[in-house]
Amino acid sequence: MDQSFPKELRLTHKGDIDTLFSKGERIKSHPFIILFYKTEIPMPVPFKLLISVPKRNFKKAVDRNYLKRCIREIVRKNKEILSSKNTDTTCSIAILYSFNTKLPFNELEVGLLKAFKKIHQ
């Protein structure tokens, strides 16, 4: 699988986001809260992703953007874990960073990979 993270993988439509937050399942994996919702509507991409780092916890945009970049890089490197074998379903995923301090990249990666494995159980 390619190592890119194209714009098509981003969850941008308000209706899809509302559905994800109202009907999606919730997983907690330190320091993340993961919301996911599997739909039967076939799309050209296996998943769509939303990344959120709250302004309440990180006042500086530099810190929020750093965390979002790290999360995006982890997802980009491990796309095959999120890509389901069944091409008839698309998974909408929201990754919410729920910790007050910046963690090192390797700790972020461990927490996010644990959550991805829980999604496919």
PDB file of N, CA and C in Angstrom:
ATOM      1  N   MET A   1       0.843  -1.175   0.000  1.00  0.00           N
ATOM      2  CA  MET A   1       0.000   0.000   0.000  1.00  0.00           C
ATOM      3  C   MET A   1       0.891   1.243   0.000  1.00  0.00           C
ATOM      4  N   ASP A   2       0.424   2.273  -0.678  1.00  0.00           N
ATOM      5  CA  ASP A   2       1.237   3.486  -0.749  1.00  0.00           C
ATOM      6  C   ASP A   2       1.300   4.181   0.606  1.00  0.00           C
ATOM      7  N   GLN A   3       2.283   5.020   0.765  1.00  0.00           N
ATOM      8  CA  GLN A   3       2.531   5.676   2.044  1.00  0.00           C
ATOM      9  C   GLN A   3       2.001   7.111   2.085  1.00  0.00           C
ATOM     10  N   SER A   4       1.129   7.471   1.157  1.00  0.00           N
ATOM     11  CA  SER A   4       0.641   8.847   1.114  1.00  0.00           C
ATOM     12  C   SER A   4      -0.575   9.023   2.028  1.00  0.00           C
ATOM     13  N   PHE A   5      -0.933  10.261   2.256  1.00  0.00           N
ATOM     14  CA  PHE A   5      -2.136  10.583   3.021  1.00  0.00           C
ATOM     15  C   PHE A   5      -2.914  11.628   2.221  1.00  0.00           C
ATOM     16  N   PRO A   6      -3.662  11.171   1.190  1.00  0.00           N
ATOM     17  CA  PRO A   6      -4.341  12.125   0.308  1.00  0.00           C
ATOM     18  C   PRO A   6      -5.524  12.808   0.988  1.00  0.00           C
ATOM     19  N   LYS A   7      -5.978  13.874   0.370  1.00  0.00           N
ATOM     20  CA  LYS A   7      -7.073  14.655   0.917  1.00  0.00           C
ATOM     21  C   LYS A   7      -8.383  13.859   0.988  1.00  0.00           C
ATOM     22  N   GLU A   8      -8.528  12.840   0.134  1.00  0.00           N
ATOM     23  CA  GLU A   8      -9.749  12.041   0.131  1.00  0.00           C
ATOM     24  C   GLU A   8      -9.939  11.262   1.430  1.00  0.00           C
ATOM     25  N   LEU A   9      -8.871  11.066   2.187  1.00  0.00           N
ATOM     26  CA  LEU A   9      -8.962  10.316   3.443  1.00  0.00           C
ATOM     27  C   LEU A   9      -9.445  11.177   4.610  1.00  0.00           C
ATOM     28  N   ARG A  10      -9.655  12.462   4.378  1.00  0.00           N
ATOM     29  CA  ARG A  10     -10.092  13.342   5.459  1.00  0.00           C
ATOM     30  C   ARG A  10     -11.609  13.412   5.524  1.00  0.00           C
ATOM     31  N   LEU A  11     -12.127  13.343   6.718  1.00  0.00           N
ATOM     32  CA  LEU A  11     -13.569  13.417   6.948  1.00  0.00           C
ATOM     33  C   LEU A  11     -13.932  14.894   7.044  1.00  0.00           C
ATOM     34  N   THR A  12     -14.688  15.402   6.048  1.00  0.00           N
ATOM     35  CA  THR A  12     -14.960  16.831   6.004  1.00  0.00           C
ATOM     36  C   THR A  12     -16.443  17.189   5.993  1.00  0.00           C
ATOM     37  N   HIS A  13     -17.322  16.290   5.565  1.00  0.00           N
ATOM     38  CA  HIS A  13     -18.734  16.628   5.444  1.00  0.00           C
ATOM     39  C   HIS A  13     -19.413  16.658   6.808  1.00  0.00           C
ATOM     40  N   LYS A  14     -20.167  17.731   7.046  1.00  0.00           N
ATOM     41  CA  LYS A  14     -20.815  17.920   8.337  1.00  0.00           C
ATOM     42  C   LYS A  14     -21.785  16.786   8.660  1.00  0.00           C
ATOM     43  N   GLY A  15     -22.515  16.304   7.678  1.00  0.00           N
ATOM     44  CA  GLY A  15     -23.459  15.201   7.905  1.00  0.00           C
ATOM     45  C   GLY A  15     -22.756  13.938   8.353  1.00  0.00           C
ATOM     46  N   ASP A  16     -21.621  13.638   7.730  1.00  0.00           N
ATOM     47  CA  ASP A  16     -20.851  12.456   8.127  1.00  0.00           C
ATOM     48  C   ASP A  16     -20.291  12.610   9.534  1.00  0.00           C
ATOM     49  N   ILE A  17     -19.846  13.800   9.868  1.00  0.00           N
ATOM     50  CA  ILE A  17     -19.288  14.054  11.204  1.00  0.00           C
ATOM     51  C   ILE A  17     -20.387  13.938  12.264  1.00  0.00           C
ATOM     52  N   ASP A  18     -21.561  14.492  11.973  1.00  0.00           N
ATOM     53  CA  ASP A  18     -22.689  14.391  12.912  1.00  0.00           C
ATOM     54  C   ASP A  18     -23.100  12.938  13.133  1.00  0.00           C
ATOM     55  N   THR A  19     -23.127  12.160  12.056  1.00  0.00           N
ATOM     56  CA  THR A  19     -23.469  10.737  12.171  1.00  0.00           C
ATOM     57  C   THR A  19     -22.433  10.007  13.015  1.00  0.00           C
ATOM     58  N   LEU A  20     -21.171  10.309  12.785  1.00  0.00           N
ATOM     59  CA  LEU A  20     -20.092   9.674  13.544  1.00  0.00           C
ATOM     60  C   LEU A  20     -20.229   9.958  15.038  1.00  0.00           C
ATOM     61  N   PHE A  21     -20.487  11.213  15.400  1.00  0.00           N
ATOM     62  CA  PHE A  21     -20.569  11.557  16.813  1.00  0.00           C
ATOM     63  C   PHE A  21     -21.869  11.086  17.461  1.00  0.00           C
ATOM     64  N   SER A  22     -22.934  10.909  16.682  1.00  0.00           N
ATOM     65  CA  SER A  22     -24.193  10.469  17.289  1.00  0.00           C
ATOM     66  C   SER A  22     -24.314   8.943  17.337  1.00  0.00           C
ATOM     67  N   LYS A  23     -23.844   8.245  16.297  1.00  0.00           N
ATOM     68  CA  LYS A  23     -24.037   6.790  16.225  1.00  0.00           C
ATOM     69  C   LYS A  23     -22.756   5.990  16.392  1.00  0.00           C
ATOM     70  N   GLY A  24     -21.618   6.645  16.437  1.00  0.00           N
ATOM     71  CA  GLY A  24     -20.349   5.930  16.468  1.00  0.00           C
ATOM     72  C   GLY A  24     -20.034   5.291  17.808  1.00  0.00           C
ATOM     73  N   GLU A  25     -19.163   4.293  17.745  1.00  0.00           N
ATOM     74  CA  GLU A  25     -18.685   3.626  18.959  1.00  0.00           C
ATOM     75  C   GLU A  25     -17.458   4.359  19.476  1.00  0.00           C
ATOM     76  N   ARG A  26     -17.253   4.286  20.791  1.00  0.00           N
ATOM     77  CA  ARG A  26     -16.172   5.024  21.448  1.00  0.00           C
ATOM     78  C   ARG A  26     -15.173   4.060  22.067  1.00  0.00           C
ATOM     79  N   ILE A  27     -13.898   4.333  21.821  1.00  0.00           N
ATOM     80  CA  ILE A  27     -12.805   3.552  22.405  1.00  0.00           C
ATOM     81  C   ILE A  27     -11.858   4.528  23.094  1.00  0.00           C
ATOM     82  N   LYS A  28     -11.417   4.172  24.294  1.00  0.00           N
ATOM     83  CA  LYS A  28     -10.408   4.985  24.975  1.00  0.00           C
ATOM     84  C   LYS A  28      -9.096   4.228  24.989  1.00  0.00           C
ATOM     85  N   SER A  29      -8.064   4.896  24.554  1.00  0.00           N
ATOM     86  CA  SER A  29      -6.723   4.355  24.571  1.00  0.00           C
ATOM     87  C   SER A  29      -5.800   5.526  24.852  1.00  0.00           C
ATOM     88  N   HIS A  30      -5.210   5.531  26.040  1.00  0.00           N
ATOM     89  CA  HIS A  30      -4.423   6.684  26.481  1.00  0.00           C
ATOM     90  C   HIS A  30      -3.414   7.100  25.421  1.00  0.00           C
ATOM     91  N   PRO A  31      -3.344   8.305  24.998  1.00  0.00           N
ATOM     92  CA  PRO A  31      -4.026   9.546  25.359  1.00  0.00           C
ATOM     93  C   PRO A  31      -5.145   9.924  24.400  1.00  0.00           C
ATOM     94  N   PHE A  32      -5.785   8.959  23.771  1.00  0.00           N
ATOM     95  CA  PHE A  32      -6.771   9.235  22.734  1.00  0.00           C
ATOM     96  C   PHE A  32      -8.154   8.720  23.101  1.00  0.00           C
ATOM     97  N   ILE A  33      -9.154   9.367  22.509  1.00  0.00           N
ATOM     98  CA  ILE A  33     -10.507   8.845  22.455  1.00  0.00           C
ATOM     99  C   ILE A  33     -10.789   8.669  20.970  1.00  0.00           C
ATOM    100  N   ILE A  34     -11.157   7.463  20.590  1.00  0.00           N
ATOM    101  CA  ILE A  34     -11.406   7.146  19.188  1.00  0.00           C
ATOM    102  C   ILE A  34     -12.897   6.901  19.002  1.00  0.00           C
ATOM    103  N   LEU A  35     -13.495   7.595  18.056  1.00  0.00           N
ATOM    104  CA  LEU A  35     -14.872   7.342  17.656  1.00  0.00           C
ATOM    105  C   LEU A  35     -14.829   6.730  16.270  1.00  0.00           C
ATOM    106  N   PHE A  36     -15.573   5.651  16.055  1.00  0.00           N
ATOM    107  CA  PHE A  36     -15.610   5.080  14.712  1.00  0.00           C
ATOM    108  C   PHE A  36     -17.008   4.600  14.392  1.00  0.00           C
ATOM    109  N   TYR A  37     -17.321   4.671  13.116  1.00  0.00           N
ATOM    110  CA  TYR A  37     -18.631   4.263  12.627  1.00  0.00           C
ATOM    111  C   TYR A  37     -18.444   3.618  11.266  1.00  0.00           C
ATOM    112  N   LYS A  38     -18.856   2.360  11.149  1.00  0.00           N
ATOM    113  CA  LYS A  38     -18.717   1.637   9.884  1.00  0.00           C
ATOM    114  C   LYS A  38     -20.007   1.759   9.102  1.00  0.00           C
ATOM    115  N   THR A  39     -19.878   2.161   7.837  1.00  0.00           N
ATOM    116  CA  THR A  39     -21.040   2.299   6.974  1.00  0.00           C
ATOM    117  C   THR A  39     -20.958   1.287   5.849  1.00  0.00           C
ATOM    118  N   GLU A  40     -22.111   0.901   5.334  1.00  0.00           N
ATOM    119  CA  GLU A  40     -22.179  -0.062   4.235  1.00  0.00           C
ATOM    120  C   GLU A  40     -22.123   0.624   2.872  1.00  0.00           C
ATOM    121  N   ILE A  41     -22.038   1.939   2.870  1.00  0.00           N
ATOM    122  CA  ILE A  41     -21.988   2.685   1.616  1.00  0.00           C
ATOM    123  C   ILE A  41     -20.579   2.572   1.037  1.00  0.00           C
ATOM    124  N   PRO A  42     -20.432   1.981  -0.155  1.00  0.00           N
ATOM    125  CA  PRO A  42     -19.092   1.846  -0.718  1.00  0.00           C
ATOM    126  C   PRO A  42     -18.532   3.199  -1.165  1.00  0.00           C
ATOM    127  N   MET A  43     -17.299   3.450  -0.820  1.00  0.00           N
ATOM    128  CA  MET A  43     -16.600   4.666  -1.214  1.00  0.00           C
ATOM    129  C   MET A  43     -15.255   4.273  -1.794  1.00  0.00           C
ATOM    130  N   PRO A  44     -14.638   5.158  -2.534  1.00  0.00           N
ATOM    131  CA  PRO A  44     -13.343   4.807  -3.143  1.00  0.00           C
ATOM    132  C   PRO A  44     -12.205   4.660  -2.130  1.00  0.00           C
ATOM    133  N   VAL A  45     -12.416   5.094  -0.899  1.00  0.00           N
ATOM    134  CA  VAL A  45     -11.369   4.995   0.121  1.00  0.00           C
ATOM    135  C   VAL A  45     -11.841   4.075   1.243  1.00  0.00           C
ATOM    136  N   PRO A  46     -10.928   3.356   1.904  1.00  0.00           N
ATOM    137  CA  PRO A  46     -11.331   2.410   2.956  1.00  0.00           C
ATOM    138  C   PRO A  46     -11.737   3.072   4.274  1.00  0.00           C
ATOM    139  N   PHE A  47     -11.257   4.288   4.528  1.00  0.00           N
ATOM    140  CA  PHE A  47     -11.624   4.993   5.756  1.00  0.00           C
ATOM    141  C   PHE A  47     -11.508   6.493   5.540  1.00  0.00           C
ATOM    142  N   LYS A  48     -12.198   7.234   6.401  1.00  0.00           N
ATOM    143  CA  LYS A  48     -12.088   8.691   6.414  1.00  0.00           C
ATOM    144  C   LYS A  48     -11.755   9.086   7.840  1.00  0.00           C
ATOM    145  N   LEU A  49     -10.899  10.085   7.981  1.00  0.00           N
ATOM    146  CA  LEU A  49     -10.310  10.399   9.272  1.00  0.00           C
ATOM    147  C   LEU A  49     -10.520  11.857   9.655  1.00  0.00           C
ATOM    148  N   LEU A  50     -10.803  12.071  10.938  1.00  0.00           N
ATOM    149  CA  LEU A  50     -10.898  13.405  11.516  1.00  0.00           C
ATOM    150  C   LEU A  50      -9.971  13.438  12.718  1.00  0.00           C
ATOM    151  N   ILE A  51      -9.134  14.458  12.810  1.00  0.00           N
ATOM    152  CA  ILE A  51      -8.194  14.582  13.920  1.00  0.00           C
ATOM    153  C   ILE A  51      -8.523  15.860  14.678  1.00  0.00           C
ATOM    154  N   SER A  52      -8.639  15.757  15.999  1.00  0.00           N
ATOM    155  CA  SER A  52      -8.974  16.914  16.810  1.00  0.00           C
ATOM    156  C   SER A  52      -8.061  16.996  18.033  1.00  0.00           C
ATOM    157  N   VAL A  53      -7.468  18.168  18.210  1.00  0.00           N
ATOM    158  CA  VAL A  53      -6.677  18.467  19.402  1.00  0.00           C
ATOM    159  C   VAL A  53      -7.302  19.727  19.995  1.00  0.00           C
ATOM    160  N   PRO A  54      -7.858  19.665  21.207  1.00  0.00           N
ATOM    161  CA  PRO A  54      -8.635  20.785  21.733  1.00  0.00           C
ATOM    162  C   PRO A  54      -7.806  22.018  22.095  1.00  0.00           C
ATOM    163  N   LYS A  55      -8.361  23.154  21.742  1.00  0.00           N
ATOM    164  CA  LYS A  55      -7.729  24.434  22.055  1.00  0.00           C
ATOM    165  C   LYS A  55      -7.734  24.696  23.562  1.00  0.00           C
ATOM    166  N   ARG A  56      -8.687  24.084  24.256  1.00  0.00           N
ATOM    167  CA  ARG A  56      -8.766  24.253  25.701  1.00  0.00           C
ATOM    168  C   ARG A  56      -7.505  23.733  26.396  1.00  0.00           C
ATOM    169  N   ASN A  57      -6.947  22.627  25.885  1.00  0.00           N
ATOM    170  CA  ASN A  57      -5.764  22.035  26.508  1.00  0.00           C
ATOM    171  C   ASN A  57      -4.456  22.592  25.971  1.00  0.00           C
ATOM    172  N   PHE A  58      -4.457  23.051  24.721  1.00  0.00           N
ATOM    173  CA  PHE A  58      -3.240  23.574  24.089  1.00  0.00           C
ATOM    174  C   PHE A  58      -3.549  24.931  23.489  1.00  0.00           C
ATOM    175  N   LYS A  59      -3.174  25.986  24.201  1.00  0.00           N
ATOM    176  CA  LYS A  59      -3.491  27.341  23.771  1.00  0.00           C
ATOM    177  C   LYS A  59      -2.705  27.740  22.521  1.00  0.00           C
ATOM    178  N   LYS A  60      -1.485  27.242  22.403  1.00  0.00           N
ATOM    179  CA  LYS A  60      -0.641  27.631  21.272  1.00  0.00           C
ATOM    180  C   LYS A  60      -0.937  26.744  20.071  1.00  0.00           C
ATOM    181  N   ALA A  61      -1.167  27.381  18.931  1.00  0.00           N
ATOM    182  CA  ALA A  61      -1.455  26.645  17.700  1.00  0.00           C
ATOM    183  C   ALA A  61      -0.272  25.769  17.293  1.00  0.00           C
ATOM    184  N   VAL A  62       0.929  26.178  17.654  1.00  0.00           N
ATOM    185  CA  VAL A  62       2.122  25.397  17.329  1.00  0.00           C
ATOM    186  C   VAL A  62       2.028  24.010  17.959  1.00  0.00           C
ATOM    187  N   ASP A  63       1.595  23.958  19.207  1.00  0.00           N
ATOM    188  CA  ASP A  63       1.481  22.675  19.899  1.00  0.00           C
ATOM    189  C   ASP A  63       0.367  21.811  19.306  1.00  0.00           C
ATOM    190  N   ARG A  64      -0.777  22.426  19.012  1.00  0.00           N
ATOM    191  CA  ARG A  64      -1.886  21.672  18.413  1.00  0.00           C
ATOM    192  C   ARG A  64      -1.494  21.125  17.051  1.00  0.00           C
ATOM    193  N   ASN A  65      -0.860  21.944  16.250  1.00  0.00           N
ATOM    194  CA  ASN A  65      -0.464  21.504  14.905  1.00  0.00           C
ATOM    195  C   ASN A  65       0.596  20.411  14.966  1.00  0.00           C
ATOM    196  N   TYR A  66       1.511  20.499  15.926  1.00  0.00           N
ATOM    197  CA  TYR A  66       2.530  19.459  16.088  1.00  0.00           C
ATOM    198  C   TYR A  66       1.870  18.116  16.385  1.00  0.00           C
ATOM    199  N   LEU A  67       0.918  18.106  17.308  1.00  0.00           N
ATOM    200  CA  LEU A  67       0.247  16.857  17.667  1.00  0.00           C
ATOM    201  C   LEU A  67      -0.554  16.311  16.490  1.00  0.00           C
ATOM    202  N   LYS A  68      -1.227  17.185  15.751  1.00  0.00           N
ATOM    203  CA  LYS A  68      -1.986  16.722  14.591  1.00  0.00           C
ATOM    204  C   LYS A  68      -1.056  16.148  13.523  1.00  0.00           C
ATOM    205  N   ARG A  69       0.100  16.778  13.330  1.00  0.00           N
ATOM    206  CA  ARG A  69       1.074  16.250  12.365  1.00  0.00           C
ATOM    207  C   ARG A  69       1.584  14.876  12.783  1.00  0.00           C
ATOM    208  N   CYS A  70       1.854  14.721  14.070  1.00  0.00           N
ATOM    209  CA  CYS A  70       2.322  13.419  14.569  1.00  0.00           C
ATOM    210  C   CYS A  70       1.257  12.347  14.369  1.00  0.00           C
ATOM    211  N   ILE A  71       0.015  12.658  14.696  1.00  0.00           N
ATOM    212  CA  ILE A  71      -1.076  11.698  14.539  1.00  0.00           C
ATOM    213  C   ILE A  71      -1.249  11.338  13.060  1.00  0.00           C
ATOM    214  N   ARG A  72      -1.206  12.339  12.194  1.00  0.00           N
ATOM    215  CA  ARG A  72      -1.340  12.093  10.753  1.00  0.00           C
ATOM    216  C   ARG A  72      -0.214  11.205  10.237  1.00  0.00           C
ATOM    217  N   GLU A  73       0.992  11.404  10.746  1.00  0.00           N
ATOM    218  CA  GLU A  73       2.137  10.590  10.337  1.00  0.00           C
ATOM    219  C   GLU A  73       1.977   9.148  10.798  1.00  0.00           C
ATOM    220  N   ILE A  74       1.480   8.944  12.006  1.00  0.00           N
ATOM    221  CA  ILE A  74       1.251   7.590  12.511  1.00  0.00           C
ATOM    222  C   ILE A  74       0.212   6.883  11.658  1.00  0.00           C
ATOM    223  N   VAL A  75      -0.853   7.583  11.319  1.00  0.00           N
ATOM    224  CA  VAL A  75      -1.897   6.987  10.477  1.00  0.00           C
ATOM    225  C   VAL A  75      -1.342   6.692   9.094  1.00  0.00           C
ATOM    226  N   ARG A  76      -0.561   7.600   8.540  1.00  0.00           N
ATOM    227  CA  ARG A  76       0.001   7.419   7.205  1.00  0.00           C
ATOM    228  C   ARG A  76       0.889   6.180   7.144  1.00  0.00           C
ATOM    229  N   LYS A  77       1.697   5.973   8.178  1.00  0.00           N
ATOM    230  CA  LYS A  77       2.596   4.820   8.206  1.00  0.00           C
ATOM    231  C   LYS A  77       1.860   3.500   8.436  1.00  0.00           C
ATOM    232  N   ASN A  78       0.711   3.542   9.092  1.00  0.00           N
ATOM    233  CA  ASN A  78      -0.007   2.320   9.476  1.00  0.00           C
ATOM    234  C   ASN A  78      -1.390   2.239   8.841  1.00  0.00           C
ATOM    235  N   LYS A  79      -1.510   2.696   7.617  1.00  0.00           N
ATOM    236  CA  LYS A  79      -2.803   2.685   6.925  1.00  0.00           C
ATOM    237  C   LYS A  79      -3.359   1.285   6.736  1.00  0.00           C
ATOM    238  N   GLU A  80      -2.496   0.315   6.556  1.00  0.00           N
ATOM    239  CA  GLU A  80      -2.976  -1.040   6.275  1.00  0.00           C
ATOM    240  C   GLU A  80      -3.743  -1.625   7.457  1.00  0.00           C
ATOM    241  N   ILE A  81      -3.475  -1.153   8.672  1.00  0.00           N
ATOM    242  CA  ILE A  81      -4.223  -1.626   9.844  1.00  0.00           C
ATOM    243  C   ILE A  81      -5.673  -1.145   9.767  1.00  0.00           C
ATOM    244  N   LEU A  82      -5.864   0.094   9.321  1.00  0.00           N
ATOM    245  CA  LEU A  82      -7.211   0.661   9.238  1.00  0.00           C
ATOM    246  C   LEU A  82      -7.980   0.211   8.014  1.00  0.00           C
ATOM    247  N   SER A  83      -7.276  -0.161   6.959  1.00  0.00           N
ATOM    248  CA  SER A  83      -7.946  -0.579   5.735  1.00  0.00           C
ATOM    249  C   SER A  83      -8.557  -1.958   5.952  1.00  0.00           C
ATOM    250  N   SER A  84      -9.867  -2.019   5.880  1.00  0.00           N
ATOM    251  CA  SER A  84     -10.545  -3.302   6.100  1.00  0.00           C
ATOM    252  C   SER A  84     -10.429  -4.169   4.857  1.00  0.00           C
ATOM    253  N   LYS A  85     -10.506  -5.463   5.079  1.00  0.00           N
ATOM    254  CA  LYS A  85     -10.448  -6.410   3.964  1.00  0.00           C
ATOM    255  C   LYS A  85     -11.721  -6.348   3.138  1.00  0.00           C
ATOM    256  N   ASN A  86     -12.830  -5.972   3.781  1.00  0.00           N
ATOM    257  CA  ASN A  86     -14.122  -5.875   3.111  1.00  0.00           C
ATOM    258  C   ASN A  86     -14.220  -4.504   2.441  1.00  0.00           C
ATOM    259  N   THR A  87     -14.283  -4.479   1.121  1.00  0.00           N
ATOM    260  CA  THR A  87     -14.320  -3.208   0.397  1.00  0.00           C
ATOM    261  C   THR A  87     -15.709  -2.609   0.343  1.00  0.00           C
ATOM    262  N   ASP A  88     -16.714  -3.319   0.844  1.00  0.00           N
ATOM    263  CA  ASP A  88     -18.078  -2.800   0.829  1.00  0.00           C
ATOM    264  C   ASP A  88     -18.347  -1.816   1.956  1.00  0.00           C
ATOM    265  N   THR A  89     -17.479  -1.758   2.939  1.00  0.00           N
ATOM    266  CA  THR A  89     -17.693  -0.856   4.071  1.00  0.00           C
ATOM    267  C   THR A  89     -16.624   0.226   4.106  1.00  0.00           C
ATOM    268  N   THR A  90     -17.036   1.370   4.605  1.00  0.00           N
ATOM    269  CA  THR A  90     -16.112   2.469   4.840  1.00  0.00           C
ATOM    270  C   THR A  90     -16.225   2.849   6.304  1.00  0.00           C
ATOM    271  N   CYS A  91     -15.106   3.078   6.935  1.00  0.00           N
ATOM    272  CA  CYS A  91     -15.087   3.403   8.357  1.00  0.00           C
ATOM    273  C   CYS A  91     -14.770   4.889   8.515  1.00  0.00           C
ATOM    274  N   SER A  92     -15.641   5.604   9.220  1.00  0.00           N
ATOM    275  CA  SER A  92     -15.374   6.989   9.576  1.00  0.00           C
ATOM    276  C   SER A  92     -14.752   6.981  10.965  1.00  0.00           C
ATOM    277  N   ILE A  93     -13.616   7.666  11.111  1.00  0.00           N
ATOM    278  CA  ILE A  93     -12.882   7.630  12.370  1.00  0.00           C
ATOM    279  C   ILE A  93     -12.561   9.046  12.827  1.00  0.00           C
ATOM    280  N   ALA A  94     -12.812   9.321  14.102  1.00  0.00           N
ATOM    281  CA  ALA A  94     -12.405  10.588  14.713  1.00  0.00           C
ATOM    282  C   ALA A  94     -11.388  10.269  15.801  1.00  0.00           C
ATOM    283  N   ILE A  95     -10.242  10.910  15.731  1.00  0.00           N
ATOM    284  CA  ILE A  95      -9.201  10.741  16.744  1.00  0.00           C
ATOM    285  C   ILE A  95      -9.161  12.027  17.557  1.00  0.00           C
ATOM    286  N   LEU A  96      -9.521  11.915  18.832  1.00  0.00           N
ATOM    287  CA  LEU A  96      -9.549  13.067  19.732  1.00  0.00           C
ATOM    288  C   LEU A  96      -8.410  12.933  20.738  1.00  0.00           C
ATOM    289  N   TYR A  97      -7.533  13.906  20.783  1.00  0.00           N
ATOM    290  CA  TYR A  97      -6.431  13.874  21.734  1.00  0.00           C
ATOM    291  C   TYR A  97      -6.964  14.380  23.067  1.00  0.00           C
ATOM    292  N   SER A  98      -6.914  13.562  24.099  1.00  0.00           N
ATOM    293  CA  SER A  98      -7.557  13.900  25.372  1.00  0.00           C
ATOM    294  C   SER A  98      -6.578  13.936  26.542  1.00  0.00           C
ATOM    295  N   PHE A  99      -5.455  14.570  26.336  1.00  0.00           N
ATOM    296  CA  PHE A  99      -4.456  14.658  27.386  1.00  0.00           C
ATOM    297  C   PHE A  99      -3.992  16.105  27.470  1.00  0.00           C
ATOM    298  N   ASN A 100      -3.486  16.529  28.628  1.00  0.00           N
ATOM    299  CA  ASN A 100      -3.158  17.939  28.831  1.00  0.00           C
ATOM    300  C   ASN A 100      -1.758  18.331  28.394  1.00  0.00           C
ATOM    301  N   THR A 101      -0.880  17.360  28.194  1.00  0.00           N
ATOM    302  CA  THR A 101       0.502  17.688  27.835  1.00  0.00           C
ATOM    303  C   THR A 101       0.897  16.972  26.548  1.00  0.00           C
ATOM    304  N   LYS A 102       1.915  17.525  25.899  1.00  0.00           N
ATOM    305  CA  LYS A 102       2.427  16.885  24.691  1.00  0.00           C
ATOM    306  C   LYS A 102       3.219  15.654  25.087  1.00  0.00           C
ATOM    307  N   LEU A 103       2.961  14.563  24.412  1.00  0.00           N
ATOM    308  CA  LEU A 103       3.703  13.329  24.644  1.00  0.00           C
ATOM    309  C   LEU A 103       4.679  13.111  23.495  1.00  0.00           C
ATOM    310  N   PRO A 104       5.757  12.363  23.729  1.00  0.00           N
ATOM    311  CA  PRO A 104       6.682  12.049  22.642  1.00  0.00           C
ATOM    312  C   PRO A 104       6.010  11.181  21.570  1.00  0.00           C
ATOM    313  N   PHE A 105       6.573  11.243  20.381  1.00  0.00           N
ATOM    314  CA  PHE A 105       6.009  10.549  19.221  1.00  0.00           C
ATOM    315  C   PHE A 105       5.808   9.065  19.480  1.00  0.00           C
ATOM    316  N   ASN A 106       6.791   8.409  20.116  1.00  0.00           N
ATOM    317  CA  ASN A 106       6.677   6.950  20.305  1.00  0.00           C
ATOM    318  C   ASN A 106       5.524   6.589  21.243  1.00  0.00           C
ATOM    319  N   GLU A 107       5.243   7.403  22.249  1.00  0.00           N
ATOM    320  CA  GLU A 107       4.102   7.135  23.132  1.00  0.00           C
ATOM    321  C   GLU A 107       2.779   7.343  22.392  1.00  0.00           C
ATOM    322  N   LEU A 108       2.732   8.363  21.540  1.00  0.00           N
ATOM    323  CA  LEU A 108       1.538   8.592  20.725  1.00  0.00           C
ATOM    324  C   LEU A 108       1.287   7.403  19.804  1.00  0.00           C
ATOM    325  N   GLU A 109       2.370   6.890  19.221  1.00  0.00           N
ATOM    326  CA  GLU A 109       2.251   5.778  18.290  1.00  0.00           C
ATOM    327  C   GLU A 109       1.740   4.521  18.995  1.00  0.00           C
ATOM    328  N   VAL A 110       2.257   4.225  20.171  1.00  0.00           N
ATOM    329  CA  VAL A 110       1.827   3.041  20.926  1.00  0.00           C
ATOM    330  C   VAL A 110       0.341   3.140  21.262  1.00  0.00           C
ATOM    331  N   GLY A 111      -0.102   4.289  21.763  1.00  0.00           N
ATOM    332  CA  GLY A 111      -1.509   4.469  22.121  1.00  0.00           C
ATOM    333  C   GLY A 111      -2.438   4.372  20.932  1.00  0.00           C
ATOM    334  N   LEU A 112      -2.033   4.953  19.813  1.00  0.00           N
ATOM    335  CA  LEU A 112      -2.888   4.944  18.632  1.00  0.00           C
ATOM    336  C   LEU A 112      -2.956   3.561  17.991  1.00  0.00           C
ATOM    337  N   LEU A 113      -1.855   2.835  17.980  1.00  0.00           N
ATOM    338  CA  LEU A 113      -1.870   1.484  17.412  1.00  0.00           C
ATOM    339  C   LEU A 113      -2.715   0.530  18.252  1.00  0.00           C
ATOM    340  N   LYS A 114      -2.703   0.710  19.588  1.00  0.00           N
ATOM    341  CA  LYS A 114      -3.572  -0.100  20.441  1.00  0.00           C
ATOM    342  C   LYS A 114      -5.032   0.146  20.091  1.00  0.00           C
ATOM    343  N   ALA A 115      -5.370   1.413  19.878  1.00  0.00           N
ATOM    344  CA  ALA A 115      -6.757   1.763  19.540  1.00  0.00           C
ATOM    345  C   ALA A 115      -7.144   1.195  18.192  1.00  0.00           C
ATOM    346  N   PHE A 116      -6.241   1.236  17.202  1.00  0.00           N
ATOM    347  CA  PHE A 116      -6.556   0.693  15.886  1.00  0.00           C
ATOM    348  C   PHE A 116      -6.824  -0.794  15.946  1.00  0.00           C
ATOM    349  N   LYS A 117      -6.077  -1.503  16.787  1.00  0.00           N
ATOM    350  CA  LYS A 117      -6.299  -2.939  16.919  1.00  0.00           C
ATOM    351  C   LYS A 117      -7.646  -3.229  17.582  1.00  0.00           C
ATOM    352  N   LYS A 118      -8.073  -2.367  18.506  1.00  0.00           N
ATOM    353  CA  LYS A 118      -9.377  -2.548  19.149  1.00  0.00           C
ATOM    354  C   LYS A 118     -10.514  -2.321  18.149  1.00  0.00           C
ATOM    355  N   ILE A 119     -10.304  -1.449  17.173  1.00  0.00           N
ATOM    356  CA  ILE A 119     -11.357  -1.169  16.183  1.00  0.00           C
ATOM    357  C   ILE A 119     -11.666  -2.420  15.377  1.00  0.00           C
ATOM    358  N   HIS A 120     -10.630  -3.191  15.025  1.00  0.00           N
ATOM    359  CA  HIS A 120     -10.835  -4.357  14.164  1.00  0.00           C
ATOM    360  C   HIS A 120     -11.105  -5.652  14.919  1.00  0.00           C
ATOM    361  N   GLN A 121     -11.379  -5.572  16.200  1.00  0.00           N
ATOM    362  CA  GLN A 121     -11.721  -6.789  16.956  1.00  0.00           C
ATOM    363  C   GLN A 121     -13.192  -7.075  16.862  1.00  0.00           C
TER     364      GLN A 121
END
